[in-house]
Amino acid sequence: PSSGRDESGADWGRVDADGTVYLRTADGERAV
């Protein structure tokens, strides 16, 4: 899964190996 830091928003989310996009929040991650 993508976890790098770049201008596309990786500080706040990631893409899992199956293509699921996750958002990072103070309460944890959620699929968006």
PDB file of all heavy atoms in Angstrom:
ATOM      1  N   PRO A   1       0.829  -1.217   0.000  1.00  0.00           N
ATOM      2  CA  PRO A   1       0.000   0.000   0.000  1.00  0.00           C
ATOM      3  C   PRO A   1       0.852   1.250   0.000  1.00  0.00           C
ATOM      4  O   PRO A   1       1.948   1.256   0.544  1.00  0.00           O
ATOM      5  CB  PRO A   1      -0.814  -0.129   1.294  1.00  0.00           C
ATOM      6  CG  PRO A   1      -0.023  -1.049   2.151  1.00  0.00           C
ATOM      7  CD  PRO A   1       0.688  -1.996   1.256  1.00  0.00           C
ATOM      8  N   SER A   2       0.316   2.330  -0.633  1.00  0.00           N
ATOM      9  CA  SER A   2       1.043   3.595  -0.712  1.00  0.00           C
ATOM     10  C   SER A   2       1.013   4.290   0.642  1.00  0.00           C
ATOM     11  O   SER A   2      -0.028   4.441   1.247  1.00  0.00           O
ATOM     12  CB  SER A   2       0.402   4.488  -1.769  1.00  0.00           C
ATOM     13  OG  SER A   2       0.962   5.762  -1.725  1.00  0.00           O
ATOM     14  N   SER A   3       2.195   4.691   1.117  1.00  0.00           N
ATOM     15  CA  SER A   3       2.262   5.441   2.380  1.00  0.00           C
ATOM     16  C   SER A   3       3.282   6.553   2.293  1.00  0.00           C
ATOM     17  O   SER A   3       3.666   7.118   3.295  1.00  0.00           O
ATOM     18  CB  SER A   3       2.627   4.499   3.541  1.00  0.00           C
ATOM     19  OG  SER A   3       3.881   3.885   3.282  1.00  0.00           O
ATOM     20  N   GLY A   4       3.734   6.854   1.088  1.00  0.00           N
ATOM     21  CA  GLY A   4       4.737   7.910   0.938  1.00  0.00           C
ATOM     22  C   GLY A   4       4.154   9.287   1.182  1.00  0.00           C
ATOM     23  O   GLY A   4       2.942   9.464   1.265  1.00  0.00           O
ATOM     24  N   ARG A   5       5.025  10.305   1.286  1.00  0.00           N
ATOM     25  CA  ARG A   5       4.590  11.677   1.520  1.00  0.00           C
ATOM     26  C   ARG A   5       4.868  12.471   0.258  1.00  0.00           C
ATOM     27  O   ARG A   5       6.014  12.615  -0.148  1.00  0.00           O
ATOM     28  CB  ARG A   5       5.342  12.280   2.692  1.00  0.00           C
ATOM     29  CG  ARG A   5       5.028  11.592   4.018  1.00  0.00           C
ATOM     30  CD  ARG A   5       5.879  12.160   5.153  1.00  0.00           C
ATOM     31  NE  ARG A   5       5.540  11.542   6.410  1.00  0.00           N
ATOM     32  CZ  ARG A   5       4.573  11.963   7.217  1.00  0.00           C
ATOM     33  NH1 ARG A   5       3.873  13.012   6.870  1.00  0.00           N
ATOM     34  NH2 ARG A   5       4.312  11.355   8.352  1.00  0.00           N
ATOM     35  N   ASP A   6       3.845  12.972  -0.396  1.00  0.00           N
ATOM     36  CA  ASP A   6       4.018  13.832  -1.567  1.00  0.00           C
ATOM     37  C   ASP A   6       2.849  14.802  -1.631  1.00  0.00           C
ATOM     38  O   ASP A   6       1.966  14.776  -0.777  1.00  0.00           O
ATOM     39  CB  ASP A   6       4.139  13.023  -2.865  1.00  0.00           C
ATOM     40  CG  ASP A   6       2.955  12.101  -3.097  1.00  0.00           C
ATOM     41  OD1 ASP A   6       1.824  12.535  -2.775  1.00  0.00           O
ATOM     42  OD2 ASP A   6       3.157  10.971  -3.581  1.00  0.00           O
ATOM     43  N   GLU A   7       2.834  15.615  -2.686  1.00  0.00           N
ATOM     44  CA  GLU A   7       1.820  16.674  -2.788  1.00  0.00           C
ATOM     45  C   GLU A   7       0.433  16.141  -3.081  1.00  0.00           C
ATOM     46  O   GLU A   7      -0.536  16.873  -3.080  1.00  0.00           O
ATOM     47  CB  GLU A   7       2.225  17.655  -3.895  1.00  0.00           C
ATOM     48  CG  GLU A   7       2.263  17.005  -5.245  1.00  0.00           C
ATOM     49  CD  GLU A   7       2.721  17.963  -6.334  1.00  0.00           C
ATOM     50  OE1 GLU A   7       3.131  19.082  -6.007  1.00  0.00           O
ATOM     51  OE2 GLU A   7       2.645  17.573  -7.499  1.00  0.00           O
ATOM     52  N   SER A   8       0.304  14.812  -3.345  1.00  0.00           N
ATOM     53  CA  SER A   8      -1.012  14.263  -3.678  1.00  0.00           C
ATOM     54  C   SER A   8      -1.875  14.017  -2.456  1.00  0.00           C
ATOM     55  O   SER A   8      -3.029  13.666  -2.588  1.00  0.00           O
ATOM     56  CB  SER A   8      -0.845  12.952  -4.451  1.00  0.00           C
ATOM     57  OG  SER A   8      -0.231  11.971  -3.622  1.00  0.00           O
ATOM     58  N   GLY A   9      -1.323  14.160  -1.205  1.00  0.00           N
ATOM     59  CA  GLY A   9      -2.143  13.978  -0.018  1.00  0.00           C
ATOM     60  C   GLY A   9      -1.782  12.757   0.788  1.00  0.00           C
ATOM     61  O   GLY A   9      -2.594  12.302   1.608  1.00  0.00           O
ATOM     62  N   ALA A  10      -0.601  12.163   0.588  1.00  0.00           N
ATOM     63  CA  ALA A  10      -0.234  10.940   1.294  1.00  0.00           C
ATOM     64  C   ALA A  10      -0.123  11.147   2.789  1.00  0.00           C
ATOM     65  O   ALA A  10      -0.180  10.186   3.546  1.00  0.00           O
ATOM     66  CB  ALA A  10       1.090  10.395   0.739  1.00  0.00           C
ATOM     67  N   ASP A  11       0.076  12.399   3.267  1.00  0.00           N
ATOM     68  CA  ASP A  11       0.121  12.641   4.713  1.00  0.00           C
ATOM     69  C   ASP A  11      -1.200  12.278   5.378  1.00  0.00           C
ATOM     70  O   ASP A  11      -1.229  11.973   6.569  1.00  0.00           O
ATOM     71  CB  ASP A  11       0.412  14.113   4.986  1.00  0.00           C
ATOM     72  CG  ASP A  11       1.867  14.446   4.714  1.00  0.00           C
ATOM     73  OD1 ASP A  11       2.666  13.509   4.582  1.00  0.00           O
ATOM     74  OD2 ASP A  11       2.180  15.639   4.615  1.00  0.00           O
ATOM     75  N   TRP A  12      -2.276  12.336   4.630  1.00  0.00           N
ATOM     76  CA  TRP A  12      -3.614  12.142   5.207  1.00  0.00           C
ATOM     77  C   TRP A  12      -4.299  10.854   4.730  1.00  0.00           C
ATOM     78  O   TRP A  12      -5.442  10.605   5.095  1.00  0.00           O
ATOM     79  CB  TRP A  12      -4.509  13.332   4.868  1.00  0.00           C
ATOM     80  CG  TRP A  12      -3.887  14.624   5.276  1.00  0.00           C
ATOM     81  CD1 TRP A  12      -3.328  15.550   4.478  1.00  0.00           C
ATOM     82  CD2 TRP A  12      -3.717  15.079   6.610  1.00  0.00           C
ATOM     83  NE1 TRP A  12      -2.817  16.574   5.198  1.00  0.00           N
ATOM     84  CE2 TRP A  12      -3.041  16.325   6.542  1.00  0.00           C
ATOM     85  CE3 TRP A  12      -4.062  14.575   7.877  1.00  0.00           C
ATOM     86  CZ2 TRP A  12      -2.720  17.066   7.663  1.00  0.00           C
ATOM     87  CZ3 TRP A  12      -3.739  15.312   8.983  1.00  0.00           C
ATOM     88  CH2 TRP A  12      -3.073  16.537   8.882  1.00  0.00           C
ATOM     89  N   GLY A  13      -3.654  10.046   3.941  1.00  0.00           N
ATOM     90  CA  GLY A  13      -4.300   8.819   3.480  1.00  0.00           C
ATOM     91  C   GLY A  13      -3.329   7.850   2.833  1.00  0.00           C
ATOM     92  O   GLY A  13      -2.134   8.136   2.677  1.00  0.00           O
ATOM     93  N   ARG A  14      -3.864   6.716   2.469  1.00  0.00           N
ATOM     94  CA  ARG A  14      -3.059   5.707   1.771  1.00  0.00           C
ATOM     95  C   ARG A  14      -3.972   4.864   0.909  1.00  0.00           C
ATOM     96  O   ARG A  14      -5.204   4.864   1.083  1.00  0.00           O
ATOM     97  CB  ARG A  14      -2.327   4.830   2.786  1.00  0.00           C
ATOM     98  CG  ARG A  14      -3.252   3.982   3.652  1.00  0.00           C
ATOM     99  CD  ARG A  14      -2.493   3.217   4.715  1.00  0.00           C
ATOM    100  NE  ARG A  14      -3.398   2.419   5.535  1.00  0.00           N
ATOM    101  CZ  ARG A  14      -3.839   1.193   5.220  1.00  0.00           C
ATOM    102  NH1 ARG A  14      -3.468   0.624   4.071  1.00  0.00           N
ATOM    103  NH2 ARG A  14      -4.647   0.544   6.041  1.00  0.00           N
ATOM    104  N   VAL A  15      -3.340   4.123  -0.022  1.00  0.00           N
ATOM    105  CA  VAL A  15      -4.075   3.191  -0.889  1.00  0.00           C
ATOM    106  C   VAL A  15      -3.563   1.780  -0.581  1.00  0.00           C
ATOM    107  O   VAL A  15      -2.347   1.518  -0.709  1.00  0.00           O
ATOM    108  CB  VAL A  15      -3.871   3.524  -2.375  1.00  0.00           C
ATOM    109  CG1 VAL A  15      -4.653   2.547  -3.241  1.00  0.00           C
ATOM    110  CG2 VAL A  15      -4.316   4.954  -2.654  1.00  0.00           C
ATOM    111  N   ASP A  16      -4.465   0.915  -0.155  1.00  0.00           N
ATOM    112  CA  ASP A  16      -4.064  -0.447   0.197  1.00  0.00           C
ATOM    113  C   ASP A  16      -3.784  -1.249  -1.069  1.00  0.00           C
ATOM    114  O   ASP A  16      -4.067  -0.797  -2.194  1.00  0.00           O
ATOM    115  CB  ASP A  16      -5.179  -1.099   1.028  1.00  0.00           C
ATOM    116  CG  ASP A  16      -4.624  -2.147   1.982  1.00  0.00           C
ATOM    117  OD1 ASP A  16      -3.440  -2.513   1.812  1.00  0.00           O
ATOM    118  OD2 ASP A  16      -5.361  -2.562   2.889  1.00  0.00           O
ATOM    119  N   ALA A  17      -3.211  -2.437  -0.849  1.00  0.00           N
ATOM    120  CA  ALA A  17      -2.831  -3.282  -2.004  1.00  0.00           C
ATOM    121  C   ALA A  17      -4.036  -3.668  -2.833  1.00  0.00           C
ATOM    122  O   ALA A  17      -3.934  -3.868  -4.060  1.00  0.00           O
ATOM    123  CB  ALA A  17      -2.090  -4.547  -1.499  1.00  0.00           C
ATOM    124  N   ASP A  18      -5.204  -3.782  -2.201  1.00  0.00           N
ATOM    125  CA  ASP A  18      -6.401  -4.158  -2.966  1.00  0.00           C
ATOM    126  C   ASP A  18      -7.089  -2.950  -3.600  1.00  0.00           C
ATOM    127  O   ASP A  18      -8.163  -3.080  -4.174  1.00  0.00           O
ATOM    128  CB  ASP A  18      -7.389  -4.893  -2.060  1.00  0.00           C
ATOM    129  CG  ASP A  18      -7.890  -4.018  -0.928  1.00  0.00           C
ATOM    130  OD1 ASP A  18      -7.407  -2.841  -0.824  1.00  0.00           O
ATOM    131  OD2 ASP A  18      -8.737  -4.472  -0.138  1.00  0.00           O
ATOM    132  N   GLY A  19      -6.475  -1.744  -3.501  1.00  0.00           N
ATOM    133  CA  GLY A  19      -7.036  -0.543  -4.114  1.00  0.00           C
ATOM    134  C   GLY A  19      -7.933   0.253  -3.207  1.00  0.00           C
ATOM    135  O   GLY A  19      -8.432   1.306  -3.603  1.00  0.00           O
ATOM    136  N   THR A  20      -8.138  -0.205  -1.971  1.00  0.00           N
ATOM    137  CA  THR A  20      -8.979   0.553  -1.041  1.00  0.00           C
ATOM    138  C   THR A  20      -8.236   1.814  -0.590  1.00  0.00           C
ATOM    139  O   THR A  20      -7.061   1.755  -0.215  1.00  0.00           O
ATOM    140  CB  THR A  20      -9.348  -0.279   0.188  1.00  0.00           C
ATOM    141  OG1 THR A  20     -10.036  -1.461  -0.243  1.00  0.00           O
ATOM    142  CG2 THR A  20     -10.240   0.512   1.141  1.00  0.00           C
ATOM    143  N   VAL A  21      -8.934   2.977  -0.641  1.00  0.00           N
ATOM    144  CA  VAL A  21      -8.349   4.256  -0.239  1.00  0.00           C
ATOM    145  C   VAL A  21      -8.793   4.558   1.180  1.00  0.00           C
ATOM    146  O   VAL A  21      -9.994   4.527   1.490  1.00  0.00           O
ATOM    147  CB  VAL A  21      -8.787   5.388  -1.177  1.00  0.00           C
ATOM    148  CG1 VAL A  21      -8.151   6.702  -0.741  1.00  0.00           C
ATOM    149  CG2 VAL A  21      -8.424   5.064  -2.621  1.00  0.00           C
ATOM    150  N   TYR A  22      -7.793   4.828   2.065  1.00  0.00           N
ATOM    151  CA  TYR A  22      -8.072   5.097   3.474  1.00  0.00           C
ATOM    152  C   TYR A  22      -7.741   6.562   3.797  1.00  0.00           C
ATOM    153  O   TYR A  22      -6.749   7.097   3.306  1.00  0.00           O
ATOM    154  CB  TYR A  22      -7.237   4.186   4.373  1.00  0.00           C
ATOM    155  CG  TYR A  22      -7.691   2.726   4.351  1.00  0.00           C
ATOM    156  CD1 TYR A  22      -7.099   1.837   3.462  1.00  0.00           C
ATOM    157  CD2 TYR A  22      -8.703   2.282   5.205  1.00  0.00           C
ATOM    158  CE1 TYR A  22      -7.500   0.510   3.419  1.00  0.00           C
ATOM    159  CE2 TYR A  22      -9.104   0.961   5.167  1.00  0.00           C
ATOM    160  CZ  TYR A  22      -8.516   0.070   4.278  1.00  0.00           C
ATOM    161  OH  TYR A  22      -8.911  -1.223   4.231  1.00  0.00           O
ATOM    162  N   LEU A  23      -8.546   7.157   4.665  1.00  0.00           N
ATOM    163  CA  LEU A  23      -8.330   8.516   5.173  1.00  0.00           C
ATOM    164  C   LEU A  23      -7.828   8.419   6.600  1.00  0.00           C
ATOM    165  O   LEU A  23      -8.404   7.692   7.415  1.00  0.00           O
ATOM    166  CB  LEU A  23      -9.637   9.334   5.136  1.00  0.00           C
ATOM    167  CG  LEU A  23      -9.629  10.655   5.900  1.00  0.00           C
ATOM    168  CD1 LEU A  23      -8.696  11.663   5.227  1.00  0.00           C
ATOM    169  CD2 LEU A  23     -11.045  11.219   6.003  1.00  0.00           C
ATOM    170  N   ARG A  24      -6.768   9.145   6.921  1.00  0.00           N
ATOM    171  CA  ARG A  24      -6.263   9.189   8.294  1.00  0.00           C
ATOM    172  C   ARG A  24      -6.924  10.364   9.028  1.00  0.00           C
ATOM    173  O   ARG A  24      -6.901  11.494   8.552  1.00  0.00           O
ATOM    174  CB  ARG A  24      -4.751   9.365   8.311  1.00  0.00           C
ATOM    175  CG  ARG A  24      -3.982   8.205   7.711  1.00  0.00           C
ATOM    176  CD  ARG A  24      -2.486   8.388   7.978  1.00  0.00           C
ATOM    177  NE  ARG A  24      -1.697   7.320   7.387  1.00  0.00           N
ATOM    178  CZ  ARG A  24      -1.028   7.398   6.245  1.00  0.00           C
ATOM    179  NH1 ARG A  24      -1.029   8.536   5.577  1.00  0.00           N
ATOM    180  NH2 ARG A  24      -0.344   6.376   5.786  1.00  0.00           N
ATOM    181  N   THR A  25      -7.484  10.099  10.202  1.00  0.00           N
ATOM    182  CA  THR A  25      -8.058  11.147  11.045  1.00  0.00           C
ATOM    183  C   THR A  25      -7.553  10.964  12.468  1.00  0.00           C
ATOM    184  O   THR A  25      -6.859   9.979  12.775  1.00  0.00           O
ATOM    185  CB  THR A  25      -9.601  11.105  11.037  1.00  0.00           C
ATOM    186  OG1 THR A  25     -10.025   9.912  11.710  1.00  0.00           O
ATOM    187  CG2 THR A  25     -10.146  11.089   9.607  1.00  0.00           C
ATOM    188  N   ALA A  26      -7.937  11.867  13.354  1.00  0.00           N
ATOM    189  CA  ALA A  26      -7.538  11.747  14.754  1.00  0.00           C
ATOM    190  C   ALA A  26      -8.147  10.519  15.400  1.00  0.00           C
ATOM    191  O   ALA A  26      -7.601   9.971  16.374  1.00  0.00           O
ATOM    192  CB  ALA A  26      -7.946  13.006  15.518  1.00  0.00           C
ATOM    193  N   ASP A  27      -9.261  10.031  14.867  1.00  0.00           N
ATOM    194  CA  ASP A  27      -9.928   8.838  15.423  1.00  0.00           C
ATOM    195  C   ASP A  27      -9.462   7.554  14.768  1.00  0.00           C
ATOM    196  O   ASP A  27      -9.994   6.485  15.053  1.00  0.00           O
ATOM    197  CB  ASP A  27     -11.451   8.987  15.255  1.00  0.00           C
ATOM    198  CG  ASP A  27     -11.989  10.178  16.023  1.00  0.00           C
ATOM    199  OD1 ASP A  27     -11.402  10.504  17.077  1.00  0.00           O
ATOM    200  OD2 ASP A  27     -12.972  10.799  15.558  1.00  0.00           O
ATOM    201  N   GLY A  28      -8.540   7.679  13.834  1.00  0.00           N
ATOM    202  CA  GLY A  28      -8.053   6.488  13.139  1.00  0.00           C
ATOM    203  C   GLY A  28      -8.368   6.551  11.656  1.00  0.00           C
ATOM    204  O   GLY A  28      -8.745   7.599  11.119  1.00  0.00           O
ATOM    205  N   GLU A  29      -8.177   5.412  10.979  1.00  0.00           N
ATOM    206  CA  GLU A  29      -8.410   5.359   9.535  1.00  0.00           C
ATOM    207  C   GLU A  29      -9.833   4.913   9.232  1.00  0.00           C
ATOM    208  O   GLU A  29     -10.457   4.198   9.998  1.00  0.00           O
ATOM    209  CB  GLU A  29      -7.433   4.382   8.880  1.00  0.00           C
ATOM    210  CG  GLU A  29      -5.986   4.827   8.899  1.00  0.00           C
ATOM    211  CD  GLU A  29      -5.087   3.883   8.107  1.00  0.00           C
ATOM    212  OE1 GLU A  29      -5.457   2.702   7.925  1.00  0.00           O
ATOM    213  OE2 GLU A  29      -4.011   4.340   7.670  1.00  0.00           O
ATOM    214  N   ARG A  30     -10.300   5.410   8.042  1.00  0.00           N
ATOM    215  CA  ARG A  30     -11.575   4.899   7.527  1.00  0.00           C
ATOM    216  C   ARG A  30     -11.501   4.869   6.018  1.00  0.00           C
ATOM    217  O   ARG A  30     -10.828   5.691   5.376  1.00  0.00           O
ATOM    218  CB  ARG A  30     -12.756   5.743   7.999  1.00  0.00           C
ATOM    219  CG  ARG A  30     -12.821   7.138   7.461  1.00  0.00           C
ATOM    220  CD  ARG A  30     -14.088   7.824   7.939  1.00  0.00           C
ATOM    221  NE  ARG A  30     -14.153   9.222   7.557  1.00  0.00           N
ATOM    222  CZ  ARG A  30     -14.616   9.636   6.367  1.00  0.00           C
ATOM    223  NH1 ARG A  30     -15.046   8.760   5.455  1.00  0.00           N
ATOM    224  NH2 ARG A  30     -14.656  10.941   6.103  1.00  0.00           N
ATOM    225  N   ALA A  31     -12.153   3.873   5.417  1.00  0.00           N
ATOM    226  CA  ALA A  31     -12.143   3.729   3.967  1.00  0.00           C
ATOM    227  C   ALA A  31     -13.041   4.787   3.357  1.00  0.00           C
ATOM    228  O   ALA A  31     -14.160   5.035   3.815  1.00  0.00           O
ATOM    229  CB  ALA A  31     -12.613   2.330   3.567  1.00  0.00           C
ATOM    230  N   VAL A  32     -12.520   5.423   2.305  1.00  0.00           N
ATOM    231  CA  VAL A  32     -13.317   6.468   1.647  1.00  0.00           C
ATOM    232  C   VAL A  32     -13.582   6.152   0.180  1.00  0.00           C
ATOM    233  O   VAL A  32     -14.299   6.892  -0.487  1.00  0.00           O
ATOM    234  CB  VAL A  32     -12.605   7.826   1.752  1.00  0.00           C
ATOM    235  CG1 VAL A  32     -12.512   8.268   3.195  1.00  0.00           C
ATOM    236  CG2 VAL A  32     -11.219   7.773   1.125  1.00  0.00           C
TER     237      VAL A  32
END
